[in-house]
Amino acid sequence: GSHDSFSYWVDEKSPVGPDQATAIKRLARISLVKKIMKKWSVTQNLTFKEQLESGIRYFDLRVSSKPGEIRQDIYFIHGLFGIKVWDGLKEINTFLEQHPKEVIFLDFNHFYAMDDSHHYFLISRIRSAFGSKLCSVERVEYVTLQYMWKKKHQVLIFYHYPLYQEYSFLWPGNKMPAPWANTTNVHKLLQFLETTLEERSRYGTFHVSQAILTPRVRTIAWHLIRGLKNTLVHRNLPMILNWVKAQKPGVMGVNIITSDFVELVDFAATVIALNDLLLEEDEPAA
């Protein structure tokens, strides 16, 4: 999976998003501030299509209306506004049309400046984009690739807002827990990932290991121009990748792992290769 999956492009010309504090919005009237914000808001370089082609199958999505805009469009957001959600969904659907056996997870986990009418609009867009590809809520243990192929489903939508209850194809957010370490220290991060794996639910939910470091205000202040990638990601990704390589998938093991800048190391290939350990377990002893 990718963290803030849509943030490969953010709009410096648009207002600062409603996910930001009032003080930041005031500061952002200075054009240089938005340029600096961009360096810290972008967590991916690859587009949805490029992420899909590199093996990413879980997408972490934050969305917002654009206050003051007459139309009801919904945008991806991370400090600054990204592309329209509809454009992203169409791009993902094009890939799924070309690869009918691929299955993806779309996790809508943060909503800003959205009332129920915005949600109904967004949900109708999701339904329009994917139609019969959407997988209805089911017991997690039933949802195997064989199950998805048989039903010709390709998309699981997780929706962290109460309206999910009105739609059979919206999975509740609590089926996709994603504990967050909120640290700049890679050793604390890895300890947190270990602890939350030990505590994860044995049955009934998916599980996201967020292998990401989070800058604090002080981090940004000390490294304004360098940005997220050069300050935290480049230096620590090799150690994070070594942790990934040491994991086992399956019950009480890793399930979904997310990272920033997934193309900087062979992240997706490393995670995918862990599945071979499950195949080895299934082989009869010689």
Protein backbone atom coordinates (compact mmCIF):
# COMPACT_ATOMS: atom_id res chain seq x y z
CA GLY A 1 0.00 0.00 0.00
CA SER A 2 0.95 3.65 -0.37
CA HIS A 3 0.51 6.36 2.26
CA ASP A 4 -1.40 9.50 1.13
CA SER A 5 -1.58 7.71 -2.19
CA PHE A 6 -2.86 10.67 -4.24
CA SER A 7 -0.30 13.26 -3.12
CA TYR A 8 1.96 12.92 -6.18
CA TRP A 9 0.36 16.17 -7.39
CA VAL A 10 -0.89 19.04 -5.24
CA ASP A 11 -2.07 22.44 -6.40
CA GLU A 12 0.07 25.32 -5.17
CA LYS A 13 -2.35 27.81 -6.75
CA SER A 14 -5.42 26.66 -4.80
CA PRO A 15 -6.17 27.75 -1.22
CA VAL A 16 -4.67 25.75 1.64
CA GLY A 17 -6.95 22.85 2.56
CA PRO A 18 -9.42 22.75 5.46
CA ASP A 19 -7.25 20.03 7.03
CA GLN A 20 -4.76 22.74 8.06
CA ALA A 21 -4.68 25.00 11.14
CA THR A 22 -5.79 28.64 10.84
CA ALA A 23 -2.23 29.89 11.42
CA ILE A 24 -0.97 27.87 8.43
CA LYS A 25 -3.79 29.23 6.24
CA ARG A 26 -2.75 32.79 7.13
CA LEU A 27 0.93 32.10 6.47
CA ALA A 28 0.12 30.46 3.16
CA ARG A 29 -0.89 33.80 1.67
CA ILE A 30 2.85 34.13 1.08
CA SER A 31 3.58 32.13 -2.10
CA LEU A 32 6.90 30.75 -0.77
CA VAL A 33 5.02 29.11 2.13
CA LYS A 34 2.97 27.03 -0.31
CA LYS A 35 6.12 25.91 -2.09
CA ILE A 36 7.51 24.72 1.26
CA MET A 37 4.17 23.07 2.13
CA LYS A 38 4.35 21.15 -1.12
CA LYS A 39 7.73 19.68 -0.14
CA TRP A 40 6.10 18.29 3.02
CA SER A 41 2.68 17.41 1.57
CA VAL A 42 3.89 15.21 -1.28
CA THR A 43 4.48 11.66 -0.05
CA GLN A 44 4.41 9.84 -3.40
CA ASN A 45 6.00 10.45 -6.81
CA LEU A 46 4.00 7.94 -8.84
CA THR A 47 0.51 8.49 -10.27
CA PHE A 48 -2.28 6.01 -9.47
CA LYS A 49 -1.59 4.20 -12.75
CA GLU A 50 2.15 4.00 -12.05
CA GLN A 51 1.54 2.82 -8.48
CA LEU A 52 -0.83 0.11 -9.74
CA GLU A 53 1.70 -0.99 -12.36
CA SER A 54 4.40 -1.24 -9.67
CA GLY A 55 2.23 -3.54 -7.52
CA ILE A 56 0.45 -1.17 -5.09
CA ARG A 57 -3.04 -2.48 -4.24
CA TYR A 58 -4.04 -0.52 -1.12
CA PHE A 59 -4.67 3.24 -1.39
CA ASP A 60 -4.86 5.59 1.59
CA LEU A 61 -7.28 8.41 0.65
CA ARG A 62 -8.12 11.78 2.26
CA VAL A 63 -10.78 13.89 0.59
CA SER A 64 -12.37 17.31 0.88
CA SER A 65 -14.82 19.68 -0.74
CA LYS A 66 -13.35 23.02 -1.82
CA PRO A 67 -15.01 25.65 0.40
CA GLY A 68 -16.47 28.50 -1.63
CA GLU A 69 -16.65 26.46 -4.84
CA ILE A 70 -20.16 26.47 -6.34
CA ARG A 71 -19.85 22.98 -7.84
CA GLN A 72 -19.89 20.04 -5.49
CA ASP A 73 -16.65 18.41 -6.64
CA ILE A 74 -14.63 16.43 -4.13
CA TYR A 75 -10.82 16.54 -4.20
CA PHE A 76 -8.00 14.55 -2.70
CA ILE A 77 -6.22 16.58 -0.06
CA HIS A 78 -3.03 16.65 2.01
CA GLY A 79 -2.36 20.20 3.15
CA LEU A 80 -2.96 21.36 -0.42
CA PHE A 81 -5.67 20.18 -2.82
CA GLY A 82 -4.89 17.35 -5.19
CA ILE A 83 -6.76 16.09 -8.26
CA LYS A 84 -10.53 15.56 -8.36
CA VAL A 85 -11.52 12.24 -6.81
CA TRP A 86 -13.55 11.39 -9.92
CA ASP A 87 -10.44 11.66 -12.14
CA GLY A 88 -8.52 9.36 -9.79
CA LEU A 89 -11.31 6.77 -9.70
CA LYS A 90 -11.52 6.73 -13.51
CA GLU A 91 -7.76 6.20 -13.77
CA ILE A 92 -7.95 3.28 -11.32
CA ASN A 93 -10.95 1.77 -13.12
CA THR A 94 -9.13 1.87 -16.47
CA PHE A 95 -6.38 -0.28 -14.94
CA LEU A 96 -8.94 -2.73 -13.51
CA GLU A 97 -10.68 -3.04 -16.90
CA GLN A 98 -7.33 -4.06 -18.40
CA HIS A 99 -6.51 -6.45 -15.50
CA PRO A 100 -9.74 -8.25 -14.53
CA LYS A 101 -8.07 -10.47 -11.91
CA GLU A 102 -6.55 -7.62 -9.90
CA VAL A 103 -8.17 -6.58 -6.60
CA ILE A 104 -7.67 -3.21 -4.88
CA PHE A 105 -8.54 -1.61 -1.53
CA LEU A 106 -9.62 2.04 -1.43
CA ASP A 107 -9.56 3.38 2.13
CA PHE A 108 -11.45 6.69 2.47
CA ASN A 109 -10.32 7.53 6.01
CA HIS A 110 -10.29 11.33 6.35
CA PHE A 111 -13.02 13.73 5.23
CA TYR A 112 -12.83 17.55 5.42
CA ALA A 113 -15.45 20.26 4.83
CA MET A 114 -18.02 17.61 3.88
CA ASP A 115 -21.65 17.36 5.00
CA ASP A 116 -23.98 14.48 4.15
CA SER A 117 -24.80 15.91 0.72
CA HIS A 118 -21.08 15.86 -0.18
CA HIS A 119 -20.88 12.26 1.00
CA TYR A 120 -23.89 11.20 -1.09
CA PHE A 121 -22.26 12.87 -4.09
CA LEU A 122 -18.94 11.09 -3.49
CA ILE A 123 -20.60 7.71 -2.90
CA SER A 124 -22.56 8.05 -6.16
CA ARG A 125 -19.26 8.78 -7.93
CA ILE A 126 -17.72 5.63 -6.45
CA ARG A 127 -20.68 3.58 -7.63
CA SER A 128 -20.55 5.18 -11.11
CA ALA A 129 -16.82 4.51 -11.44
CA PHE A 130 -16.80 0.83 -10.45
CA GLY A 131 -20.36 -0.53 -10.70
CA SER A 132 -20.46 -4.31 -10.42
CA LYS A 133 -16.73 -4.44 -9.55
CA LEU A 134 -17.63 -3.32 -6.00
CA CYS A 135 -17.50 -6.08 -3.39
CA SER A 136 -20.32 -6.04 -0.82
CA VAL A 137 -19.48 -6.29 2.87
CA GLU A 138 -18.82 -9.89 3.86
CA ARG A 139 -16.95 -11.73 6.57
CA VAL A 140 -13.32 -10.85 6.01
CA GLU A 141 -12.28 -14.52 6.08
CA TYR A 142 -14.55 -15.29 3.11
CA VAL A 143 -12.95 -12.69 0.84
CA THR A 144 -10.30 -14.70 -0.98
CA LEU A 145 -9.08 -14.08 -4.50
CA GLN A 146 -11.14 -17.09 -5.62
CA TYR A 147 -14.24 -15.49 -4.08
CA MET A 148 -13.54 -12.16 -5.83
CA TRP A 149 -12.86 -13.80 -9.21
CA LYS A 150 -16.00 -15.92 -9.03
CA LYS A 151 -18.16 -12.85 -8.36
CA LYS A 152 -16.13 -10.64 -10.76
CA HIS A 153 -15.47 -8.16 -7.96
CA GLN A 154 -12.28 -6.09 -7.92
CA VAL A 155 -12.77 -3.23 -5.45
CA LEU A 156 -13.23 -3.06 -1.67
CA ILE A 157 -14.17 0.41 -0.41
CA PHE A 158 -13.58 1.29 3.24
CA TYR A 159 -15.55 4.36 4.35
CA HIS A 160 -14.86 5.94 7.72
CA TYR A 161 -18.15 7.84 8.05
CA PRO A 162 -21.53 6.66 9.41
CA LEU A 163 -23.26 6.75 6.01
CA TYR A 164 -21.47 3.49 5.13
CA GLN A 165 -24.39 1.77 6.87
CA GLU A 166 -26.73 2.73 4.01
CA TYR A 167 -24.73 0.96 1.29
CA SER A 168 -23.92 -2.71 0.93
CA PHE A 169 -20.64 -1.93 -0.91
CA LEU A 170 -19.16 0.37 1.76
CA TRP A 171 -17.09 -1.49 4.33
CA PRO A 172 -16.92 0.13 7.78
CA GLY A 173 -13.64 1.82 8.69
CA ASN A 174 -13.20 -0.45 11.72
CA LYS A 175 -12.60 -3.36 9.32
CA MET A 176 -9.38 -1.61 8.25
CA PRO A 177 -7.53 -0.51 11.42
CA ALA A 178 -4.32 1.39 10.66
CA PRO A 179 -2.52 2.26 13.91
CA TRP A 180 -0.22 5.26 13.52
CA ALA A 181 3.14 5.59 15.29
CA ASN A 182 3.37 9.40 14.87
CA THR A 183 7.14 9.49 15.34
CA THR A 184 10.26 10.74 13.55
CA ASN A 185 12.38 7.99 15.15
CA VAL A 186 12.79 4.86 13.04
CA HIS A 187 13.55 2.63 16.07
CA LYS A 188 10.36 3.78 17.82
CA LEU A 189 8.45 3.18 14.58
CA LEU A 190 9.67 -0.41 14.23
CA GLN A 191 8.91 -1.12 17.91
CA PHE A 192 5.39 0.28 17.39
CA LEU A 193 4.86 -1.89 14.30
CA GLU A 194 5.92 -4.98 16.26
CA THR A 195 3.64 -4.15 19.20
CA THR A 196 0.57 -3.44 17.05
CA LEU A 197 1.08 -6.67 15.13
CA GLU A 198 1.07 -8.58 18.40
CA GLU A 199 -2.15 -6.79 19.39
CA ARG A 200 -3.96 -7.11 16.04
CA SER A 201 -7.32 -8.83 15.89
CA ARG A 202 -6.92 -12.50 15.01
CA TYR A 203 -10.09 -12.57 12.88
CA GLY A 204 -12.65 -10.23 11.40
CA THR A 205 -10.56 -7.31 10.13
CA PHE A 206 -7.79 -6.41 7.76
CA HIS A 207 -4.76 -4.63 9.25
CA VAL A 208 -2.49 -1.85 8.01
CA SER A 209 1.10 -1.54 9.21
CA GLN A 210 1.96 2.12 8.51
CA ALA A 211 5.72 1.96 7.93
CA ILE A 212 5.98 5.75 7.81
CA LEU A 213 7.73 8.48 9.78
CA THR A 214 5.78 11.65 10.59
CA PRO A 215 7.48 15.05 10.72
CA ARG A 216 6.82 17.26 13.72
CA VAL A 217 6.55 21.06 13.47
CA ARG A 218 10.15 21.24 14.73
CA THR A 219 11.31 18.80 12.03
CA ILE A 220 9.78 20.99 9.34
CA ALA A 221 11.19 24.19 10.88
CA TRP A 222 14.75 22.77 10.97
CA HIS A 223 14.61 21.34 7.46
CA LEU A 224 12.24 23.71 5.64
CA ILE A 225 13.72 23.50 2.17
CA ARG A 226 14.76 19.83 2.22
CA GLY A 227 11.22 18.46 2.51
CA LEU A 228 9.91 15.12 3.71
CA LYS A 229 11.73 12.86 1.27
CA ASN A 230 15.22 14.24 1.89
CA THR A 231 14.79 14.71 5.65
CA LEU A 232 13.08 11.51 6.83
CA VAL A 233 12.41 9.04 4.03
CA HIS A 234 15.69 8.55 2.12
CA ARG A 235 17.73 7.96 5.26
CA ASN A 236 15.35 5.53 6.98
CA LEU A 237 13.76 3.53 4.16
CA PRO A 238 16.52 0.86 4.06
CA MET A 239 15.99 0.05 7.76
CA ILE A 240 12.21 -0.02 7.29
CA LEU A 241 12.64 -2.33 4.30
CA ASN A 242 14.81 -4.68 6.36
CA TRP A 243 11.96 -4.90 8.89
CA VAL A 244 9.53 -5.72 6.07
CA LYS A 245 11.81 -8.51 4.78
CA ALA A 246 11.80 -10.12 8.24
CA GLN A 247 7.98 -10.32 8.45
CA LYS A 248 5.61 -13.21 7.88
CA PRO A 249 2.12 -12.75 6.43
CA GLY A 250 -1.05 -14.45 7.63
CA VAL A 251 -2.86 -14.62 10.95
CA MET A 252 -1.03 -12.44 13.53
CA GLY A 253 1.51 -11.53 10.87
CA VAL A 254 1.56 -8.59 8.45
CA ASN A 255 -1.40 -7.98 6.18
CA ILE A 256 -1.12 -4.59 4.41
CA ILE A 257 2.04 -2.45 4.68
CA THR A 258 2.11 1.19 3.59
CA SER A 259 5.08 3.41 2.81
CA ASP A 260 5.95 6.87 1.52
CA PHE A 261 7.64 7.16 -1.90
CA VAL A 262 7.07 3.50 -2.74
CA GLU A 263 9.39 3.61 -5.76
CA LEU A 264 12.55 4.65 -3.86
CA VAL A 265 13.31 1.05 -2.93
CA ASP A 266 11.79 -2.18 -4.25
CA PHE A 267 9.06 -1.81 -1.63
CA ALA A 268 6.11 -3.39 -3.46
CA ALA A 269 8.18 -6.32 -4.75
CA THR A 270 9.51 -6.97 -1.22
CA VAL A 271 6.01 -7.01 0.30
CA ILE A 272 4.60 -9.17 -2.50
CA ALA A 273 7.46 -11.67 -2.08
CA LEU A 274 6.33 -12.32 1.53
CA ASN A 275 3.38 -14.25 0.07
CA ASP A 276 5.81 -16.94 -1.03
CA LEU A 277 6.16 -17.84 2.67
CA LEU A 278 2.46 -18.77 2.71
CA LEU A 279 2.93 -20.96 -0.36
CA GLU A 280 5.80 -22.77 1.34
CA GLU A 281 3.52 -23.55 4.32
CA ASP A 282 0.93 -25.05 1.98
CA GLU A 283 3.36 -27.42 0.27
CA PRO A 284 3.25 -30.99 1.60
CA ALA A 285 6.43 -32.19 3.26
CA ALA A 286 8.61 -34.30 0.98
